[in-house]
Amino acid sequence: MNSTNFNRREWLKKGSLTLGALALVPHDIWSSNVANAQKNNSTFLYSSNNYFNEYTPPLVKEEASLTILRSNENPYGPPPKSVKAFQNEVFGGNRYSWKSLGGLKEKIAKNEGIKTNQILMGPGSSDLLEKVAMVFFQNGGNVISADPSYMSLIVVAKSVGGNWKSYKLLEDSQHDLDAMEAGIDENTKLVYICNPNNPTGSITDAKKLRDFCSRVSEKVPVFVDEAYLELSKNGLRDSMNTLVAEGKNVIVARTFSKIHGMAGLRVGYAIGKKETLDIISEITRGGMGITGPSIAAASSSLDNQEFLDSCKTKITDARNYTIAYLKENNFSCLPSETNFLIFEIPMEGRAFLKKIYAKNVAVKSFKFWDKNWCRVSIGTMDEMKKFTNAMTEIFV
């Protein structure tokens, strides 16, 4: 991909990005798909995908009393110090925030062991995943990922002409790295790894993944989505950021939406080779979509490890409680090192969603591997007890 031959105007003129593709780019992809599926009474949100899909939730008026356990948010954030930083920065909202964004990038660069020109900021990491897909697959090609996997990058890649080559997770729910590497062909533009994986919550061995990324990135770029890594047992010690520092063609994405508790503030970033990020930057101004108060909150949170550790402990405790409940009641749960769990349910997913929404609890339901699944985010202990009570009323 030659950046000298790539710009916004030429890209749009080519027609590779259709109006339909443009409609998929914003962060309201999920809510838009839900609204359309509910209007059309569709069982699934993505009618074009028969082997991995998400069930359409029921159309209900969402009251304040609804326990929302569907979006993998941190119920304890943002940190109080970050809230104060956000509030203080509001008074400077008449000015652009390039200076404070530069300060945040310097802090990130120090933490990641890279240079600031190896960082691309965005309003959440999903925005960056989508921009990568738009750039890499404007002229076709395929993306290799796990089955199942987080669909943001994949949906956009398909919408602009790319293809998805998926490889089922291993029996222990890790990525099948050998099969994924063997699947690379002359049309492969990118390998996408979500680690820990969403929607399964499982993590792939860091040493095996590091060896894989180091080797495969000599053939094609590797994108490692580490949105949930801070929540895992080893945390950022298992990051692939060292490969970026070594100059490998690896992109690592992070978000402030999960452990930092800032899903609504929209801050994320990707690190990688400067040359690769420069190409992506030609269709996005990166940090232009992040507000000054959000930048201040994110910067403050990076200095508040004690609060993040506290969140991780409470989330782990609530997750362990939920796992114990599921095992006791004979639900088959996949291993998770995240703030969500996924387990098989003996009921068609849309019927299940109607029942659990009626109990004032919102979760997600998927179909893959010819099985029905419930994915529940880990909330507070009280919220998880409300969830388990609802499950008991439905199944036990």
Protein backbone atom coordinates (compact mmCIF):
# COMPACT_ATOMS: atom_id res chain seq x y z
CA MET A 1 0.00 0.00 0.00
CA ASN A 2 1.64 3.20 -1.19
CA SER A 3 0.65 6.24 0.85
CA THR A 4 1.73 8.60 -1.92
CA ASN A 5 -1.12 7.25 -4.07
CA PHE A 6 -3.74 7.47 -1.36
CA ASN A 7 -5.93 10.37 -0.31
CA ARG A 8 -9.52 10.97 0.74
CA ARG A 9 -10.72 12.36 -2.59
CA GLU A 10 -9.22 9.62 -4.75
CA TRP A 11 -10.46 6.98 -2.34
CA LEU A 12 -14.05 8.20 -2.49
CA LYS A 13 -13.89 8.62 -6.28
CA LYS A 14 -12.92 4.98 -6.65
CA GLY A 15 -16.33 4.03 -5.27
CA SER A 16 -14.80 1.44 -3.00
CA LEU A 17 -16.58 2.97 -0.05
CA THR A 18 -20.30 2.89 -0.77
CA LEU A 19 -22.96 4.90 1.00
CA GLY A 20 -23.96 1.68 2.75
CA ALA A 21 -20.41 1.25 4.02
CA LEU A 22 -20.31 4.81 5.26
CA ALA A 23 -23.43 4.12 7.29
CA LEU A 24 -21.61 1.34 9.12
CA VAL A 25 -18.70 3.43 10.28
CA PRO A 26 -20.03 5.37 13.32
CA HIS A 27 -20.04 3.93 16.82
CA ASP A 28 -23.79 3.43 16.69
CA ILE A 29 -23.40 0.38 14.42
CA TRP A 30 -24.89 -1.88 17.08
CA SER A 31 -27.84 0.33 17.99
CA SER A 32 -28.57 1.00 14.32
CA ASN A 33 -28.55 -2.72 13.54
CA VAL A 34 -30.78 -3.37 16.53
CA ALA A 35 -33.32 -0.75 15.42
CA ASN A 36 -33.42 -2.14 11.87
CA ALA A 37 -33.68 -5.75 13.05
CA GLN A 38 -36.48 -4.90 15.48
CA LYS A 39 -38.35 -2.97 12.79
CA ASN A 40 -38.09 -5.92 10.40
CA ASN A 41 -38.74 -8.51 13.12
CA SER A 42 -35.42 -10.18 12.25
CA THR A 43 -34.09 -12.99 14.41
CA PHE A 44 -30.51 -11.86 13.92
CA LEU A 45 -28.75 -8.52 13.66
CA TYR A 46 -26.51 -9.54 10.74
CA SER A 47 -28.56 -11.35 8.12
CA SER A 48 -25.58 -11.92 5.81
CA ASN A 49 -23.69 -14.09 8.28
CA ASN A 50 -24.95 -17.61 8.88
CA TYR A 51 -22.19 -19.05 11.09
CA PHE A 52 -21.78 -16.29 13.68
CA ASN A 53 -24.60 -14.01 14.64
CA GLU A 54 -26.16 -11.99 17.41
CA TYR A 55 -29.78 -12.38 18.35
CA THR A 56 -31.99 -9.30 18.14
CA PRO A 57 -32.99 -8.04 21.58
CA PRO A 58 -36.66 -7.36 22.31
CA LEU A 59 -38.12 -3.94 21.71
CA VAL A 60 -38.75 -2.61 25.19
CA LYS A 61 -38.76 0.76 26.88
CA GLU A 62 -35.51 0.82 28.82
CA GLU A 63 -36.32 2.18 32.26
CA ALA A 64 -33.69 3.46 34.68
CA SER A 65 -34.24 0.31 36.74
CA LEU A 66 -32.95 -1.91 33.91
CA THR A 67 -29.75 -3.71 34.90
CA ILE A 68 -27.53 -3.35 31.83
CA LEU A 69 -25.05 -6.21 31.53
CA ARG A 70 -24.57 -6.27 27.76
CA SER A 71 -21.79 -3.82 26.85
CA ASN A 72 -18.84 -4.92 29.02
CA GLU A 73 -18.61 -1.61 30.85
CA ASN A 74 -16.80 -1.02 34.14
CA PRO A 75 -19.51 -0.37 36.76
CA TYR A 76 -17.05 1.45 39.05
CA GLY A 77 -15.53 4.07 36.75
CA PRO A 78 -14.55 6.67 35.85
CA PRO A 79 -12.09 7.19 38.71
CA PRO A 80 -13.10 10.12 40.96
CA LYS A 81 -9.85 11.94 40.15
CA SER A 82 -10.62 11.60 36.45
CA VAL A 83 -14.11 12.98 37.00
CA LYS A 84 -12.58 16.03 38.67
CA ALA A 85 -10.05 16.44 35.83
CA PHE A 86 -12.91 16.23 33.31
CA GLN A 87 -14.92 18.89 35.15
CA ASN A 88 -11.96 21.26 35.44
CA GLU A 89 -11.22 20.98 31.71
CA VAL A 90 -14.78 21.87 30.70
CA PHE A 91 -14.04 25.54 31.36
CA GLY A 92 -11.47 25.47 28.55
CA GLY A 93 -13.92 23.94 26.13
CA ASN A 94 -13.81 26.97 23.85
CA ARG A 95 -10.29 25.97 22.78
CA TYR A 96 -9.04 23.06 20.70
CA SER A 97 -7.24 20.41 22.71
CA TRP A 98 -4.16 19.65 20.62
CA LYS A 99 -1.73 20.60 23.40
CA SER A 100 -3.36 18.40 26.02
CA LEU A 101 -3.66 15.59 23.45
CA GLY A 102 0.07 15.89 22.87
CA GLY A 103 0.65 15.54 26.59
CA LEU A 104 -1.48 12.39 26.71
CA LYS A 105 0.43 10.91 23.78
CA GLU A 106 3.73 11.60 25.54
CA LYS A 107 2.47 9.76 28.61
CA ILE A 108 1.27 6.83 26.48
CA ALA A 109 4.57 6.70 24.59
CA LYS A 110 6.48 6.46 27.85
CA ASN A 111 4.24 3.67 29.13
CA GLU A 112 4.43 1.71 25.87
CA GLY A 113 8.15 2.21 25.25
CA ILE A 114 7.66 3.84 21.84
CA LYS A 115 7.76 7.28 20.15
CA THR A 116 4.80 9.64 19.94
CA ASN A 117 4.74 9.33 16.14
CA GLN A 118 3.89 5.65 16.63
CA ILE A 119 0.56 6.51 18.29
CA LEU A 120 -2.78 7.14 16.61
CA MET A 121 -5.48 8.49 18.91
CA GLY A 122 -9.20 7.97 18.35
CA PRO A 123 -12.60 8.25 20.04
CA GLY A 124 -12.42 4.72 21.41
CA SER A 125 -10.53 1.80 19.89
CA SER A 126 -13.51 0.64 17.81
CA ASP A 127 -13.21 3.78 15.70
CA LEU A 128 -9.60 2.88 14.95
CA LEU A 129 -10.48 -0.73 14.12
CA GLU A 130 -13.02 0.56 11.62
CA LYS A 131 -10.60 3.05 10.07
CA VAL A 132 -8.00 0.30 9.65
CA ALA A 133 -10.60 -1.84 7.88
CA MET A 134 -11.56 1.03 5.57
CA VAL A 135 -7.95 1.60 4.54
CA PHE A 136 -6.76 -2.00 4.26
CA PHE A 137 -9.77 -3.43 2.40
CA GLN A 138 -10.78 -0.64 0.04
CA ASN A 139 -9.47 -2.77 -2.83
CA GLY A 140 -10.62 -6.15 -1.53
CA GLY A 141 -8.54 -8.86 0.09
CA ASN A 142 -9.23 -10.96 3.15
CA VAL A 143 -8.86 -10.58 6.89
CA ILE A 144 -8.02 -13.60 9.02
CA SER A 145 -9.43 -13.87 12.54
CA ALA A 146 -10.84 -16.28 15.08
CA ASP A 147 -14.32 -17.82 15.00
CA PRO A 148 -15.95 -16.19 16.88
CA SER A 149 -14.32 -12.79 17.22
CA TYR A 150 -15.14 -9.13 17.79
CA MET A 151 -16.91 -8.02 14.63
CA SER A 152 -16.29 -4.26 14.37
CA LEU A 153 -13.27 -4.45 12.06
CA ILE A 154 -14.66 -7.44 10.19
CA VAL A 155 -18.08 -5.90 9.47
CA VAL A 156 -16.50 -2.75 8.03
CA ALA A 157 -13.91 -4.75 6.05
CA LYS A 158 -16.73 -6.75 4.43
CA SER A 159 -18.75 -3.60 3.75
CA VAL A 160 -15.95 -2.09 1.64
CA GLY A 161 -15.23 -5.27 -0.34
CA GLY A 162 -13.10 -7.46 1.90
CA ASN A 163 -13.65 -11.09 2.84
CA TRP A 164 -13.48 -12.79 6.24
CA LYS A 165 -11.53 -16.01 6.74
CA SER A 166 -12.36 -17.35 10.19
CA TYR A 167 -10.73 -20.14 12.17
CA LYS A 168 -12.48 -21.82 15.07
CA LEU A 169 -10.93 -21.43 18.50
CA LEU A 170 -9.16 -24.44 19.96
CA GLU A 171 -10.77 -26.69 22.56
CA ASP A 172 -9.25 -24.56 25.34
CA SER A 173 -10.71 -21.43 23.65
CA GLN A 174 -7.32 -20.06 22.56
CA HIS A 175 -6.69 -18.85 19.02
CA ASP A 176 -5.71 -21.58 16.57
CA LEU A 177 -2.54 -19.76 15.57
CA ASP A 178 -1.23 -22.60 13.41
CA ALA A 179 -4.40 -22.73 11.31
CA MET A 180 -4.53 -18.95 11.03
CA GLU A 181 -0.95 -18.79 9.80
CA ALA A 182 -1.55 -21.62 7.33
CA GLY A 183 -4.58 -19.72 6.01
CA ILE A 184 -2.57 -16.70 4.88
CA ASP A 185 -2.58 -16.39 1.10
CA GLU A 186 -1.76 -13.81 -1.57
CA ASN A 187 -5.02 -11.97 -0.85
CA THR A 188 -4.56 -11.66 2.91
CA LYS A 189 -4.26 -8.01 3.90
CA LEU A 190 -4.42 -8.34 7.70
CA VAL A 191 -4.50 -10.82 10.56
CA TYR A 192 -6.78 -9.69 13.41
CA ILE A 193 -6.33 -11.04 16.94
CA CYS A 194 -8.63 -9.98 19.77
CA ASN A 195 -6.84 -10.96 22.98
CA PRO A 196 -8.56 -11.52 25.34
CA ASN A 197 -11.14 -12.50 22.79
CA ASN A 198 -14.61 -11.02 22.54
CA PRO A 199 -17.22 -12.54 22.80
CA THR A 200 -15.61 -15.54 24.50
CA GLY A 201 -13.45 -13.80 27.14
CA SER A 202 -10.64 -16.31 26.62
CA ILE A 203 -6.98 -15.41 26.39
CA THR A 204 -4.25 -16.87 24.18
CA ASP A 205 -0.86 -17.77 25.62
CA ALA A 206 1.34 -14.66 25.45
CA LYS A 207 4.56 -16.42 24.42
CA LYS A 208 2.85 -18.34 21.61
CA LEU A 209 1.10 -15.20 20.45
CA ARG A 210 4.28 -13.13 20.56
CA ASP A 211 6.14 -15.71 18.47
CA PHE A 212 3.22 -15.83 16.04
CA CYS A 213 3.00 -12.05 15.66
CA SER A 214 6.75 -11.68 15.25
CA ARG A 215 6.85 -14.31 12.51
CA VAL A 216 3.60 -13.54 10.68
CA SER A 217 4.15 -9.77 10.64
CA GLU A 218 7.01 -10.40 8.22
CA LYS A 219 4.32 -11.53 5.74
CA VAL A 220 1.28 -9.37 6.53
CA PRO A 221 0.40 -6.80 9.20
CA VAL A 222 -1.00 -8.19 12.45
CA PHE A 223 -3.59 -6.21 14.43
CA VAL A 224 -3.85 -7.15 18.12
CA ASP A 225 -6.89 -5.75 19.89
CA GLU A 226 -6.02 -5.54 23.60
CA ALA A 227 -9.18 -3.78 24.81
CA TYR A 228 -9.58 -6.19 27.72
CA LEU A 229 -5.96 -7.06 28.47
CA GLU A 230 -5.69 -4.96 31.66
CA LEU A 231 -8.48 -7.12 33.11
CA SER A 232 -6.58 -10.38 32.53
CA LYS A 233 -4.52 -12.17 35.17
CA ASN A 234 -1.16 -10.94 33.87
CA GLY A 235 -2.46 -7.62 32.60
CA LEU A 236 -0.20 -5.55 30.35
CA ARG A 237 2.73 -7.90 30.96
CA ASP A 238 1.18 -9.99 28.18
CA SER A 239 0.98 -7.08 25.73
CA MET A 240 2.38 -7.26 22.22
CA ASN A 241 3.64 -3.66 22.55
CA THR A 242 7.24 -4.87 22.72
CA LEU A 243 6.94 -6.01 19.10
CA VAL A 244 5.94 -2.50 18.08
CA ALA A 245 9.00 -1.16 19.87
CA GLU A 246 11.11 -3.69 17.95
CA GLY A 247 9.81 -2.33 14.63
CA LYS A 248 7.57 -5.27 13.73
CA ASN A 249 4.56 -4.60 11.51
CA VAL A 250 2.17 -5.08 14.42
CA ILE A 251 -0.64 -2.74 15.46
CA VAL A 252 -1.83 -2.84 19.07
CA ALA A 253 -5.08 -1.14 20.08
CA ARG A 254 -6.18 -0.08 23.55
CA THR A 255 -9.21 1.68 24.96
CA PHE A 256 -10.16 3.66 28.04
CA SER A 257 -13.67 2.17 27.82
CA LYS A 258 -13.05 -0.96 29.90
CA ILE A 259 -10.79 -1.01 32.99
CA HIS A 260 -10.65 2.81 33.01
CA GLY A 261 -14.45 3.03 33.10
CA MET A 262 -14.78 5.68 30.38
CA ALA A 263 -16.95 4.01 27.74
CA GLY A 264 -19.02 7.16 27.32
CA LEU A 265 -16.02 9.51 27.15
CA ARG A 266 -14.61 7.90 23.97
CA VAL A 267 -10.82 7.67 24.19
CA GLY A 268 -8.66 5.00 22.59
CA TYR A 269 -5.41 4.60 20.72
CA ALA A 270 -3.41 2.35 18.46
CA ILE A 271 0.35 1.95 18.36
CA GLY A 272 2.33 0.66 15.41
CA LYS A 273 4.90 1.46 12.76
CA LYS A 274 4.88 5.14 11.85
CA GLU A 275 4.57 4.31 8.15
CA THR A 276 1.47 2.20 8.72
CA LEU A 277 -0.23 4.73 11.00
CA ASP A 278 0.53 7.53 8.52
CA ILE A 279 -1.54 5.73 5.89
CA ILE A 280 -4.47 5.32 8.27
CA SER A 281 -4.14 8.97 9.28
CA GLU A 282 -4.87 10.04 5.70
CA ILE A 283 -8.58 9.29 6.24
CA THR A 284 -8.88 10.39 9.86
CA ARG A 285 -7.62 13.26 11.97
CA GLY A 286 -7.29 10.88 14.89
CA GLY A 287 -7.53 12.91 18.05
CA MET A 288 -9.86 15.48 16.46
CA GLY A 289 -12.78 13.39 17.68
CA ILE A 290 -11.73 13.44 21.34
CA THR A 291 -12.85 16.27 23.60
CA GLY A 292 -10.51 18.14 25.93
CA PRO A 293 -12.33 16.96 29.08
CA SER A 294 -12.06 13.34 27.92
CA ILE A 295 -8.34 13.78 27.29
CA ALA A 296 -7.90 15.19 30.80
CA ALA A 297 -9.84 12.31 32.33
CA ALA A 298 -7.82 9.70 30.42
CA SER A 299 -4.51 11.29 31.37
CA SER A 300 -5.53 11.36 35.02
CA SER A 301 -6.59 7.71 34.94
CA LEU A 302 -3.16 6.62 33.72
CA ASP A 303 -1.80 7.98 37.01
CA ASN A 304 -4.38 6.19 39.15
CA GLN A 305 -3.26 2.56 39.23
CA GLU A 306 -4.64 2.01 42.72
CA PHE A 307 -8.20 2.67 41.53
CA LEU A 308 -7.74 0.44 38.47
CA ASP A 309 -6.43 -2.40 40.65
CA SER A 310 -9.43 -1.99 42.96
CA CYS A 311 -11.81 -2.25 40.00
CA LYS A 312 -10.06 -5.36 38.73
CA THR A 313 -10.33 -7.04 42.14
CA LYS A 314 -14.05 -6.32 42.49
CA ILE A 315 -14.76 -7.40 38.91
CA THR A 316 -12.81 -10.64 39.46
CA ASP A 317 -14.76 -11.37 42.65
CA ALA A 318 -18.11 -10.81 40.90
CA ARG A 319 -16.96 -12.92 37.95
CA ASN A 320 -15.94 -15.78 40.24
CA TYR A 321 -19.32 -15.60 41.99
CA THR A 322 -21.09 -15.83 38.64
CA ILE A 323 -18.92 -18.71 37.43
CA ALA A 324 -19.68 -20.64 40.60
CA TYR A 325 -23.41 -20.10 40.10
CA LEU A 326 -23.26 -21.23 36.47
CA LYS A 327 -21.28 -24.37 37.31
CA GLU A 328 -23.61 -25.23 40.18
CA ASN A 329 -26.56 -25.04 37.80
CA ASN A 330 -24.88 -27.01 35.00
CA PHE A 331 -24.29 -24.21 32.53
CA SER A 332 -21.20 -24.74 30.35
CA CYS A 333 -19.10 -21.57 30.62
CA LEU A 334 -16.02 -20.74 28.53
CA PRO A 335 -12.89 -19.62 30.44
CA SER A 336 -12.72 -15.84 30.85
CA GLU A 337 -10.08 -13.33 31.92
CA THR A 338 -12.29 -10.33 31.19
CA ASN A 339 -15.28 -8.46 32.59
CA PHE A 340 -17.75 -10.77 30.85
CA LEU A 341 -18.67 -14.44 30.61
CA ILE A 342 -20.24 -16.50 27.85
CA PHE A 343 -22.06 -19.78 28.36
CA GLU A 344 -24.38 -22.13 26.51
CA ILE A 345 -28.12 -21.82 27.06
CA PRO A 346 -30.71 -24.57 26.40
CA MET A 347 -33.04 -22.16 24.65
CA GLU A 348 -33.23 -20.26 21.38
CA GLY A 349 -31.48 -16.95 21.91
CA ARG A 350 -34.25 -14.54 21.01
CA ALA A 351 -36.75 -16.34 23.27
CA PHE A 352 -34.18 -16.19 26.07
CA LEU A 353 -33.65 -12.45 25.61
CA LYS A 354 -37.39 -11.82 25.86
CA LYS A 355 -37.52 -13.72 29.14
CA ILE A 356 -34.51 -12.10 30.77
CA TYR A 357 -35.42 -8.58 29.62
CA ALA A 358 -38.80 -9.22 31.25
CA LYS A 359 -36.82 -9.74 34.48
CA ASN A 360 -35.33 -6.26 33.95
CA VAL A 361 -31.88 -7.57 33.02
CA ALA A 362 -30.20 -6.83 29.67
CA VAL A 363 -27.57 -9.21 28.28
CA LYS A 364 -26.58 -10.38 24.80
CA SER A 365 -27.20 -13.67 23.06
CA PHE A 366 -25.26 -15.17 20.17
CA LYS A 367 -25.39 -18.17 17.91
CA PHE A 368 -22.17 -19.84 16.81
CA TRP A 369 -20.85 -23.38 16.54
CA ASP A 370 -24.54 -24.38 16.12
CA LYS A 371 -25.19 -23.47 19.77
CA ASN A 372 -27.05 -20.71 21.59
CA TRP A 373 -25.08 -18.56 24.02
CA CYS A 374 -25.60 -15.86 26.61
CA ARG A 375 -22.89 -13.27 27.13
CA VAL A 376 -23.20 -11.39 30.40
CA SER A 377 -21.04 -8.44 31.42
CA ILE A 378 -19.73 -8.39 34.97
CA GLY A 379 -21.39 -5.65 36.97
CA THR A 380 -21.38 -5.02 40.68
CA MET A 381 -21.98 -7.95 43.01
CA ASP A 382 -25.57 -6.79 43.54
CA GLU A 383 -26.13 -6.63 39.78
CA MET A 384 -24.74 -10.14 39.32
CA LYS A 385 -27.05 -11.45 42.04
CA LYS A 386 -29.96 -9.88 40.18
CA PHE A 387 -28.75 -11.68 37.05
CA THR A 388 -28.41 -15.06 38.78
CA ASN A 389 -31.86 -14.65 40.36
CA ALA A 390 -33.28 -14.01 36.90
CA MET A 391 -31.50 -17.10 35.54
CA THR A 392 -32.92 -19.21 38.35
CA GLU A 393 -36.44 -18.02 37.61
CA ILE A 394 -36.02 -18.81 33.91
CA PHE A 395 -34.16 -22.13 33.97
CA VAL A 396 -33.88 -23.74 37.39
